[in-house]
């Protein structure tokens, strides 16, 4: 559920108030960029996907269901676009290892950089859906139910993917 201020910005945006929509973009642009980057591991593509997400969201804002948080809806659009980008990129090149994304922490602690790099390298070797659940849960703070909505999957599948991602990470890091 969104807050009152966000509800007002959405209503104003639906009435062609571009400033209101710009405020929504400002509110979510960094998180959306980092999420896209975590999936595609390409700065330019992540920026393009995030921008395209906001354009798509603007034109489809009337179909937004206010029972869900706006961020959940935006992450779902971005995830679909990022995974589509990965599929397209996989067709264009045989170097699958270069296409597999790793999660990048937006604010790593200086005294934990070595451990963070090791963790991110291990996450980079995970399957895309495992990387997505790690990013959405740990770095974006979404619940399992919200992740299920974003990934258009049952909550039970998200829990299984998270368990498998953690199991794979444990093997990689030991």
N, C-alpha and C. Protein backbone atom coordinates (compact mmCIF):
# COMPACT_ATOMS: atom_id res chain seq x y z
N UNK A 1 0.85 -1.17 0.00
CA UNK A 1 0.00 0.00 0.00
C UNK A 1 0.90 1.24 0.00
N UNK A 2 0.53 2.21 -0.78
CA UNK A 2 1.33 3.42 -0.89
C UNK A 2 0.92 4.45 0.15
N UNK A 3 1.80 5.42 0.34
CA UNK A 3 1.46 6.48 1.29
C UNK A 3 0.59 7.53 0.61
N UNK A 4 0.04 8.42 1.41
CA UNK A 4 -0.89 9.43 0.91
C UNK A 4 -0.24 10.36 -0.11
N UNK A 5 1.00 10.77 0.17
CA UNK A 5 1.73 11.65 -0.72
C UNK A 5 1.93 10.99 -2.09
N UNK A 6 2.28 9.71 -2.08
CA UNK A 6 2.50 8.99 -3.32
C UNK A 6 1.19 8.86 -4.09
N UNK A 7 0.11 8.59 -3.38
CA UNK A 7 -1.21 8.49 -4.01
C UNK A 7 -1.56 9.80 -4.72
N UNK A 8 -1.27 10.91 -4.07
CA UNK A 8 -1.55 12.22 -4.66
C UNK A 8 -0.70 12.46 -5.90
N UNK A 9 0.59 12.08 -5.83
CA UNK A 9 1.47 12.25 -7.00
C UNK A 9 0.99 11.41 -8.17
N UNK A 10 0.51 10.22 -7.90
CA UNK A 10 -0.01 9.35 -8.97
C UNK A 10 -1.26 9.99 -9.57
N UNK A 11 -2.16 10.46 -8.74
CA UNK A 11 -3.39 11.10 -9.22
C UNK A 11 -3.06 12.32 -10.08
N UNK A 12 -2.12 13.12 -9.62
CA UNK A 12 -1.71 14.30 -10.40
C UNK A 12 -1.07 13.89 -11.71
N UNK A 13 -0.27 12.82 -11.69
CA UNK A 13 0.37 12.32 -12.90
C UNK A 13 -0.67 11.86 -13.92
N UNK A 14 -1.71 11.24 -13.43
CA UNK A 14 -2.79 10.78 -14.31
C UNK A 14 -3.52 11.96 -14.97
N UNK A 15 -3.41 13.12 -14.36
CA UNK A 15 -3.99 14.35 -14.92
C UNK A 15 -2.95 15.17 -15.68
N UNK A 16 -1.94 14.48 -16.20
CA UNK A 16 -0.90 15.08 -17.05
C UNK A 16 -0.02 16.10 -16.33
N UNK A 17 0.14 15.96 -15.02
CA UNK A 17 1.05 16.82 -14.25
C UNK A 17 2.44 16.18 -14.32
N UNK A 18 3.25 16.68 -15.24
CA UNK A 18 4.58 16.11 -15.47
C UNK A 18 5.52 16.31 -14.28
N UNK A 19 5.32 17.39 -13.55
CA UNK A 19 6.15 17.63 -12.36
C UNK A 19 5.89 16.56 -11.29
N UNK A 20 4.65 16.17 -11.15
CA UNK A 20 4.31 15.13 -10.17
C UNK A 20 4.98 13.81 -10.56
N UNK A 21 4.93 13.48 -11.85
CA UNK A 21 5.57 12.23 -12.29
C UNK A 21 7.09 12.32 -12.12
N UNK A 22 7.65 13.49 -12.35
CA UNK A 22 9.10 13.68 -12.16
C UNK A 22 9.48 13.42 -10.70
N UNK A 23 8.61 13.79 -9.77
CA UNK A 23 8.88 13.52 -8.35
C UNK A 23 8.88 12.01 -8.07
N UNK A 24 7.96 11.29 -8.72
CA UNK A 24 7.95 9.83 -8.57
C UNK A 24 9.21 9.21 -9.15
N UNK A 25 9.63 9.71 -10.29
CA UNK A 25 10.86 9.22 -10.92
C UNK A 25 12.05 9.47 -10.00
N UNK A 26 12.14 10.68 -9.46
CA UNK A 26 13.24 11.00 -8.54
C UNK A 26 13.24 10.08 -7.32
N UNK A 27 12.08 9.73 -6.86
CA UNK A 27 11.94 8.90 -5.67
C UNK A 27 12.48 7.47 -5.91
N UNK A 28 12.33 6.96 -7.12
CA UNK A 28 12.66 5.55 -7.38
C UNK A 28 13.82 5.31 -8.35
N UNK A 29 14.35 6.36 -8.97
CA UNK A 29 15.33 6.15 -10.04
C UNK A 29 16.59 5.42 -9.58
N UNK A 30 17.13 5.74 -8.42
CA UNK A 30 18.36 5.08 -7.97
C UNK A 30 18.14 3.60 -7.66
N UNK A 31 17.08 3.31 -6.94
CA UNK A 31 16.79 1.91 -6.59
C UNK A 31 16.53 1.10 -7.85
N UNK A 32 15.80 1.67 -8.80
CA UNK A 32 15.49 0.96 -10.03
C UNK A 32 16.75 0.72 -10.86
N UNK A 33 17.61 1.74 -10.94
CA UNK A 33 18.87 1.56 -11.66
C UNK A 33 19.70 0.44 -11.04
N UNK A 34 19.86 0.46 -9.72
CA UNK A 34 20.68 -0.57 -9.05
C UNK A 34 20.08 -1.96 -9.24
N UNK A 35 18.77 -2.05 -9.21
CA UNK A 35 18.12 -3.34 -9.43
C UNK A 35 18.39 -3.84 -10.85
N UNK A 36 18.24 -2.96 -11.83
CA UNK A 36 18.50 -3.34 -13.23
C UNK A 36 19.96 -3.74 -13.42
N UNK A 37 20.85 -2.96 -12.81
CA UNK A 37 22.28 -3.27 -12.92
C UNK A 37 22.58 -4.63 -12.29
N UNK A 38 21.92 -4.94 -11.19
CA UNK A 38 22.14 -6.22 -10.53
C UNK A 38 21.78 -7.38 -11.45
N UNK A 39 20.83 -7.18 -12.32
CA UNK A 39 20.40 -8.24 -13.23
C UNK A 39 21.27 -8.28 -14.49
N UNK A 40 21.47 -7.14 -15.13
CA UNK A 40 22.14 -7.15 -16.43
C UNK A 40 23.65 -6.92 -16.36
N UNK A 41 24.12 -6.34 -15.27
CA UNK A 41 25.57 -6.08 -15.05
C UNK A 41 26.19 -5.29 -16.20
N UNK A 42 25.42 -4.30 -16.64
CA UNK A 42 25.88 -3.43 -17.72
C UNK A 42 25.31 -2.04 -17.42
N UNK A 43 26.19 -1.08 -17.14
CA UNK A 43 25.75 0.24 -16.70
C UNK A 43 24.83 0.92 -17.71
N UNK A 44 25.23 0.92 -18.98
CA UNK A 44 24.42 1.59 -20.00
C UNK A 44 23.06 0.92 -20.15
N UNK A 45 23.07 -0.41 -20.19
CA UNK A 45 21.80 -1.14 -20.33
C UNK A 45 20.92 -0.91 -19.11
N UNK A 46 21.50 -0.91 -17.92
CA UNK A 46 20.72 -0.70 -16.70
C UNK A 46 20.08 0.69 -16.72
N UNK A 47 20.83 1.67 -17.15
CA UNK A 47 20.28 3.03 -17.23
C UNK A 47 19.15 3.09 -18.26
N UNK A 48 19.37 2.48 -19.43
CA UNK A 48 18.34 2.46 -20.47
C UNK A 48 17.08 1.73 -20.00
N UNK A 49 17.27 0.59 -19.34
CA UNK A 49 16.14 -0.20 -18.86
C UNK A 49 15.35 0.58 -17.80
N UNK A 50 16.06 1.23 -16.90
CA UNK A 50 15.39 2.02 -15.86
C UNK A 50 14.58 3.16 -16.50
N UNK A 51 15.18 3.86 -17.46
CA UNK A 51 14.46 4.94 -18.13
C UNK A 51 13.26 4.41 -18.89
N UNK A 52 13.45 3.29 -19.58
CA UNK A 52 12.35 2.68 -20.33
C UNK A 52 11.23 2.23 -19.39
N UNK A 53 11.62 1.79 -18.21
CA UNK A 53 10.62 1.39 -17.20
C UNK A 53 9.75 2.58 -16.83
N UNK A 54 10.35 3.73 -16.61
CA UNK A 54 9.57 4.92 -16.24
C UNK A 54 8.68 5.38 -17.39
N UNK A 55 9.15 5.25 -18.61
CA UNK A 55 8.34 5.62 -19.77
C UNK A 55 7.14 4.68 -19.87
N UNK A 56 7.41 3.38 -19.77
CA UNK A 56 6.33 2.39 -19.82
C UNK A 56 5.33 2.63 -18.69
N UNK A 57 5.84 2.84 -17.50
CA UNK A 57 4.97 3.07 -16.34
C UNK A 57 4.10 4.30 -16.55
N UNK A 58 4.66 5.35 -17.12
CA UNK A 58 3.89 6.57 -17.35
C UNK A 58 2.70 6.29 -18.26
N UNK A 59 2.95 5.58 -19.36
CA UNK A 59 1.88 5.31 -20.31
C UNK A 59 0.89 4.26 -19.82
N UNK A 60 1.29 3.46 -18.84
CA UNK A 60 0.40 2.43 -18.31
C UNK A 60 -0.08 2.75 -16.89
N UNK A 61 0.13 3.97 -16.46
CA UNK A 61 -0.20 4.35 -15.09
C UNK A 61 -1.68 4.12 -14.76
N UNK A 62 -2.55 4.23 -15.73
CA UNK A 62 -3.98 3.99 -15.48
C UNK A 62 -4.25 2.53 -15.11
N UNK A 63 -3.37 1.62 -15.51
CA UNK A 63 -3.58 0.20 -15.19
C UNK A 63 -2.94 -0.20 -13.86
N UNK A 64 -2.26 0.74 -13.21
CA UNK A 64 -1.62 0.47 -11.92
C UNK A 64 -2.68 0.17 -10.86
N UNK A 65 -2.48 -0.91 -10.11
CA UNK A 65 -3.40 -1.32 -9.05
C UNK A 65 -2.88 -0.75 -7.72
N UNK A 66 -3.60 0.20 -7.16
CA UNK A 66 -3.13 0.89 -5.95
C UNK A 66 -3.16 0.02 -4.70
N UNK A 67 -3.60 -1.23 -4.82
CA UNK A 67 -3.53 -2.15 -3.68
C UNK A 67 -2.09 -2.59 -3.42
N UNK A 68 -1.23 -2.40 -4.41
CA UNK A 68 0.18 -2.75 -4.29
C UNK A 68 1.00 -1.47 -4.20
N UNK A 69 2.19 -1.60 -3.64
CA UNK A 69 3.08 -0.44 -3.61
C UNK A 69 3.53 -0.11 -5.03
N UNK A 70 3.68 1.16 -5.31
CA UNK A 70 4.14 1.59 -6.63
C UNK A 70 5.50 0.99 -6.93
N UNK A 71 6.36 0.92 -5.91
CA UNK A 71 7.70 0.37 -6.13
C UNK A 71 7.64 -1.08 -6.61
N UNK A 72 6.71 -1.86 -6.08
CA UNK A 72 6.57 -3.25 -6.50
C UNK A 72 6.22 -3.31 -7.99
N UNK A 73 5.30 -2.48 -8.40
CA UNK A 73 4.89 -2.42 -9.80
C UNK A 73 6.06 -2.00 -10.69
N UNK A 74 6.79 -0.99 -10.28
CA UNK A 74 7.94 -0.53 -11.06
C UNK A 74 9.02 -1.61 -11.14
N UNK A 75 9.31 -2.29 -10.02
CA UNK A 75 10.31 -3.36 -10.03
C UNK A 75 9.87 -4.51 -10.94
N UNK A 76 8.59 -4.78 -11.01
CA UNK A 76 8.10 -5.85 -11.88
C UNK A 76 8.35 -5.47 -13.34
N UNK A 77 8.01 -4.27 -13.72
CA UNK A 77 8.24 -3.80 -15.09
C UNK A 77 9.74 -3.87 -15.40
N UNK A 78 10.57 -3.34 -14.50
CA UNK A 78 12.02 -3.32 -14.72
C UNK A 78 12.59 -4.73 -14.81
N UNK A 79 12.14 -5.62 -13.95
CA UNK A 79 12.64 -7.00 -13.98
C UNK A 79 12.32 -7.65 -15.31
N UNK A 80 11.09 -7.48 -15.76
CA UNK A 80 10.72 -8.06 -17.05
C UNK A 80 11.57 -7.50 -18.18
N UNK A 81 11.81 -6.21 -18.16
CA UNK A 81 12.62 -5.59 -19.20
C UNK A 81 14.08 -6.06 -19.11
N UNK A 82 14.61 -6.18 -17.90
CA UNK A 82 16.00 -6.62 -17.72
C UNK A 82 16.18 -8.07 -18.17
N UNK A 83 15.23 -8.93 -17.80
CA UNK A 83 15.32 -10.33 -18.21
C UNK A 83 15.17 -10.46 -19.72
N UNK A 84 14.34 -9.63 -20.30
CA UNK A 84 14.20 -9.60 -21.76
C UNK A 84 15.50 -9.17 -22.41
N UNK A 85 16.15 -8.17 -21.81
CA UNK A 85 17.44 -7.71 -22.33
C UNK A 85 18.47 -8.84 -22.27
N UNK A 86 18.47 -9.59 -21.17
CA UNK A 86 19.40 -10.72 -21.05
C UNK A 86 19.13 -11.78 -22.11
N UNK A 87 17.86 -12.08 -22.34
CA UNK A 87 17.53 -13.08 -23.37
C UNK A 87 18.00 -12.61 -24.73
N UNK A 88 17.77 -11.35 -25.04
CA UNK A 88 18.20 -10.80 -26.33
C UNK A 88 19.73 -10.82 -26.44
N UNK A 89 20.39 -10.43 -25.37
CA UNK A 89 21.85 -10.40 -25.37
C UNK A 89 22.42 -11.82 -25.52
N UNK A 90 21.75 -12.79 -24.90
CA UNK A 90 22.21 -14.18 -24.99
C UNK A 90 22.15 -14.69 -26.42
N UNK A 91 21.16 -14.21 -27.16
CA UNK A 91 21.03 -14.61 -28.57
C UNK A 91 22.10 -13.95 -29.43
N UNK A 92 22.55 -12.77 -29.02
CA UNK A 92 23.49 -12.01 -29.83
C UNK A 92 24.94 -12.40 -29.60
N UNK A 93 25.23 -13.06 -28.49
CA UNK A 93 26.60 -13.43 -28.20
C UNK A 93 26.67 -14.80 -27.55
N UNK A 94 27.74 -15.51 -27.77
CA UNK A 94 27.90 -16.84 -27.19
C UNK A 94 28.58 -16.79 -25.83
N UNK A 95 29.04 -15.64 -25.42
CA UNK A 95 29.76 -15.50 -24.16
C UNK A 95 28.78 -15.34 -23.00
N UNK A 96 28.13 -16.45 -22.61
CA UNK A 96 27.11 -16.41 -21.56
C UNK A 96 27.66 -15.88 -20.24
N UNK A 97 28.92 -16.19 -19.93
CA UNK A 97 29.49 -15.73 -18.66
C UNK A 97 29.51 -14.21 -18.56
N UNK A 98 29.68 -13.55 -19.70
CA UNK A 98 29.70 -12.09 -19.69
C UNK A 98 28.30 -11.52 -19.51
N UNK A 99 27.29 -12.32 -19.80
CA UNK A 99 25.91 -11.85 -19.70
C UNK A 99 25.31 -12.07 -18.33
N UNK A 100 25.90 -12.96 -17.56
CA UNK A 100 25.35 -13.26 -16.24
C UNK A 100 25.67 -12.09 -15.32
N UNK A 101 24.66 -11.56 -14.71
CA UNK A 101 24.82 -10.38 -13.88
C UNK A 101 25.22 -10.73 -12.46
N UNK A 102 25.81 -9.77 -11.79
CA UNK A 102 26.09 -9.89 -10.36
C UNK A 102 25.46 -8.70 -9.66
N UNK A 103 25.14 -8.88 -8.44
CA UNK A 103 24.52 -7.80 -7.68
C UNK A 103 25.59 -6.84 -7.21
N UNK A 104 25.35 -5.56 -7.43
CA UNK A 104 26.29 -4.53 -7.01
C UNK A 104 25.66 -3.74 -5.87
N UNK A 105 26.32 -3.72 -4.75
CA UNK A 105 25.82 -2.96 -3.61
C UNK A 105 25.98 -1.48 -3.91
N UNK A 106 24.93 -0.70 -3.70
CA UNK A 106 25.04 0.73 -3.97
C UNK A 106 25.94 1.47 -2.98
N UNK A 107 26.11 0.92 -1.77
CA UNK A 107 26.91 1.59 -0.75
C UNK A 107 27.73 0.59 0.06
N UNK A 108 28.79 0.00 -0.52
CA UNK A 108 29.57 -0.96 0.26
C UNK A 108 30.34 -0.29 1.38
N UNK A 109 30.51 -1.01 2.51
CA UNK A 109 31.30 -0.52 3.63
C UNK A 109 32.79 -0.65 3.27
N UNK A 110 33.59 0.41 3.46
CA UNK A 110 35.01 0.35 3.09
C UNK A 110 35.78 -0.79 3.76
N UNK A 111 35.45 -1.10 5.00
CA UNK A 111 36.20 -2.15 5.70
C UNK A 111 35.71 -3.56 5.34
N UNK A 112 34.68 -3.66 4.52
CA UNK A 112 34.16 -4.96 4.11
C UNK A 112 34.26 -5.16 2.60
N UNK A 113 35.06 -4.35 1.92
CA UNK A 113 35.11 -4.42 0.46
C UNK A 113 35.55 -5.78 -0.06
N UNK A 114 36.53 -6.40 0.57
CA UNK A 114 37.00 -7.71 0.09
C UNK A 114 35.91 -8.76 0.23
N UNK A 115 35.23 -8.78 1.38
CA UNK A 115 34.14 -9.74 1.57
C UNK A 115 32.98 -9.45 0.62
N UNK A 116 32.68 -8.17 0.44
CA UNK A 116 31.59 -7.79 -0.46
C UNK A 116 31.91 -8.22 -1.89
N UNK A 117 33.16 -8.01 -2.31
CA UNK A 117 33.54 -8.39 -3.66
C UNK A 117 33.44 -9.90 -3.84
N UNK A 118 33.87 -10.65 -2.82
CA UNK A 118 33.77 -12.11 -2.88
C UNK A 118 32.30 -12.54 -2.96
N UNK A 119 31.45 -11.91 -2.17
CA UNK A 119 30.03 -12.21 -2.21
C UNK A 119 29.44 -11.88 -3.57
N UNK A 120 29.74 -10.70 -4.08
CA UNK A 120 29.20 -10.28 -5.37
C UNK A 120 29.69 -11.17 -6.51
N UNK A 121 30.94 -11.60 -6.42
CA UNK A 121 31.47 -12.54 -7.43
C UNK A 121 30.71 -13.86 -7.37
N UNK A 122 30.42 -14.32 -6.17
CA UNK A 122 29.66 -15.57 -6.01
C UNK A 122 28.23 -15.39 -6.53
N UNK A 123 27.62 -14.27 -6.22
CA UNK A 123 26.26 -14.01 -6.70
C UNK A 123 26.25 -13.92 -8.22
N UNK A 124 27.31 -13.38 -8.80
CA UNK A 124 27.40 -13.25 -10.25
C UNK A 124 27.34 -14.61 -10.95
N UNK A 125 27.71 -15.65 -10.25
CA UNK A 125 27.71 -16.99 -10.84
C UNK A 125 26.37 -17.71 -10.68
N UNK A 126 25.42 -17.07 -10.01
CA UNK A 126 24.09 -17.66 -9.83
C UNK A 126 23.24 -17.51 -11.10
N UNK A 127 22.20 -18.32 -11.19
CA UNK A 127 21.24 -18.20 -12.28
C UNK A 127 20.52 -16.86 -12.15
N UNK A 128 20.03 -16.29 -13.27
CA UNK A 128 19.38 -14.97 -13.22
C UNK A 128 18.24 -14.87 -12.21
N UNK A 129 17.37 -15.88 -12.11
CA UNK A 129 16.25 -15.74 -11.16
C UNK A 129 16.75 -15.75 -9.73
N UNK A 130 17.85 -16.46 -9.44
CA UNK A 130 18.42 -16.46 -8.10
C UNK A 130 19.04 -15.09 -7.80
N UNK A 131 19.71 -14.52 -8.79
CA UNK A 131 20.27 -13.17 -8.62
C UNK A 131 19.15 -12.17 -8.35
N UNK A 132 18.05 -12.32 -9.08
CA UNK A 132 16.92 -11.40 -8.92
C UNK A 132 16.36 -11.45 -7.50
N UNK A 133 16.14 -12.66 -6.97
CA UNK A 133 15.55 -12.74 -5.62
C UNK A 133 16.51 -12.19 -4.57
N UNK A 134 17.81 -12.44 -4.75
CA UNK A 134 18.81 -11.88 -3.82
C UNK A 134 18.75 -10.35 -3.86
N UNK A 135 18.75 -9.79 -5.06
CA UNK A 135 18.73 -8.33 -5.21
C UNK A 135 17.46 -7.72 -4.63
N UNK A 136 16.33 -8.28 -5.00
CA UNK A 136 15.06 -7.71 -4.55
C UNK A 136 14.89 -7.82 -3.04
N UNK A 137 15.33 -8.93 -2.45
CA UNK A 137 15.14 -9.13 -1.01
C UNK A 137 16.16 -8.36 -0.18
N UNK A 138 17.45 -8.56 -0.45
CA UNK A 138 18.48 -7.97 0.39
C UNK A 138 18.81 -6.52 0.04
N UNK A 139 18.81 -6.17 -1.23
CA UNK A 139 19.23 -4.82 -1.59
C UNK A 139 18.06 -3.87 -1.80
N UNK A 140 16.90 -4.40 -2.17
CA UNK A 140 15.75 -3.52 -2.39
C UNK A 140 14.73 -3.60 -1.26
N UNK A 141 14.87 -4.59 -0.37
CA UNK A 141 14.02 -4.68 0.81
C UNK A 141 12.59 -5.16 0.55
N UNK A 142 12.36 -5.85 -0.55
CA UNK A 142 11.02 -6.35 -0.83
C UNK A 142 10.76 -7.64 -0.05
N UNK A 143 9.50 -7.87 0.26
CA UNK A 143 9.09 -9.11 0.94
C UNK A 143 9.00 -10.23 -0.10
N UNK A 144 8.88 -11.47 0.39
CA UNK A 144 8.73 -12.59 -0.54
C UNK A 144 7.48 -12.41 -1.40
N UNK A 145 6.40 -11.93 -0.81
CA UNK A 145 5.16 -11.73 -1.56
C UNK A 145 5.35 -10.67 -2.65
N UNK A 146 6.05 -9.59 -2.30
CA UNK A 146 6.30 -8.54 -3.30
C UNK A 146 7.21 -9.06 -4.41
N UNK A 147 8.20 -9.86 -4.05
CA UNK A 147 9.09 -10.45 -5.05
C UNK A 147 8.29 -11.36 -5.98
N UNK A 148 7.37 -12.12 -5.41
CA UNK A 148 6.52 -13.00 -6.22
C UNK A 148 5.73 -12.17 -7.23
N UNK A 149 5.23 -11.03 -6.81
CA UNK A 149 4.49 -10.16 -7.71
C UNK A 149 5.41 -9.62 -8.80
N UNK A 150 6.59 -9.16 -8.43
CA UNK A 150 7.55 -8.62 -9.39
C UNK A 150 7.93 -9.67 -10.43
N UNK A 151 8.20 -10.89 -9.98
CA UNK A 151 8.67 -11.95 -10.87
C UNK A 151 7.53 -12.77 -11.48
N UNK A 152 6.30 -12.42 -11.15
CA UNK A 152 5.12 -13.14 -11.65
C UNK A 152 5.25 -14.64 -11.38
N UNK A 153 5.57 -14.96 -10.14
CA UNK A 153 5.76 -16.35 -9.73
C UNK A 153 5.07 -16.57 -8.39
N UNK A 154 4.73 -17.81 -8.08
CA UNK A 154 4.14 -18.09 -6.77
C UNK A 154 5.13 -17.78 -5.64
N UNK A 155 4.61 -17.37 -4.49
CA UNK A 155 5.46 -17.08 -3.34
C UNK A 155 6.30 -18.29 -2.97
N UNK A 156 5.72 -19.48 -3.07
CA UNK A 156 6.46 -20.71 -2.76
C UNK A 156 7.67 -20.88 -3.65
N UNK A 157 7.55 -20.53 -4.92
CA UNK A 157 8.70 -20.61 -5.84
C UNK A 157 9.79 -19.64 -5.43
N UNK A 158 9.37 -18.44 -5.02
CA UNK A 158 10.35 -17.44 -4.59
C UNK A 158 11.13 -17.96 -3.38
N UNK A 159 10.42 -18.59 -2.44
CA UNK A 159 11.08 -19.15 -1.26
C UNK A 159 12.06 -20.25 -1.65
N UNK A 160 11.68 -21.09 -2.59
CA UNK A 160 12.57 -22.16 -3.07
C UNK A 160 13.78 -21.55 -3.76
N UNK A 161 13.56 -20.56 -4.61
CA UNK A 161 14.68 -19.92 -5.30
C UNK A 161 15.64 -19.27 -4.32
N UNK A 162 15.09 -18.64 -3.27
CA UNK A 162 15.93 -18.01 -2.26
C UNK A 162 16.75 -19.08 -1.53
N UNK A 163 16.12 -20.16 -1.16
CA UNK A 163 16.83 -21.24 -0.47
C UNK A 163 17.94 -21.81 -1.35
N UNK A 164 17.64 -22.01 -2.62
CA UNK A 164 18.66 -22.54 -3.55
C UNK A 164 19.77 -21.52 -3.77
N UNK A 165 19.41 -20.26 -3.87
CA UNK A 165 20.43 -19.22 -4.04
C UNK A 165 21.38 -19.20 -2.84
N UNK A 166 20.81 -19.27 -1.63
CA UNK A 166 21.63 -19.28 -0.41
C UNK A 166 22.50 -20.53 -0.36
N UNK A 167 21.93 -21.68 -0.74
CA UNK A 167 22.69 -22.93 -0.74
C UNK A 167 23.85 -22.84 -1.73
N UNK A 168 23.60 -22.32 -2.92
CA UNK A 168 24.67 -22.15 -3.91
C UNK A 168 25.72 -21.17 -3.45
N UNK A 169 25.28 -20.09 -2.81
CA UNK A 169 26.24 -19.10 -2.29
C UNK A 169 27.11 -19.71 -1.21
N UNK A 170 26.50 -20.53 -0.35
CA UNK A 170 27.25 -21.17 0.74
C UNK A 170 28.35 -22.06 0.16
N UNK A 171 28.02 -22.83 -0.88
CA UNK A 171 29.02 -23.68 -1.54
C UNK A 171 30.13 -22.84 -2.17
N UNK A 172 29.73 -21.78 -2.85
CA UNK A 172 30.70 -20.90 -3.52
C UNK A 172 31.66 -20.24 -2.55
N UNK A 173 31.14 -19.85 -1.39
CA UNK A 173 31.94 -19.09 -0.44
C UNK A 173 32.75 -19.96 0.54
N UNK A 174 32.49 -21.27 0.55
CA UNK A 174 33.24 -22.12 1.48
C UNK A 174 34.51 -22.68 0.86
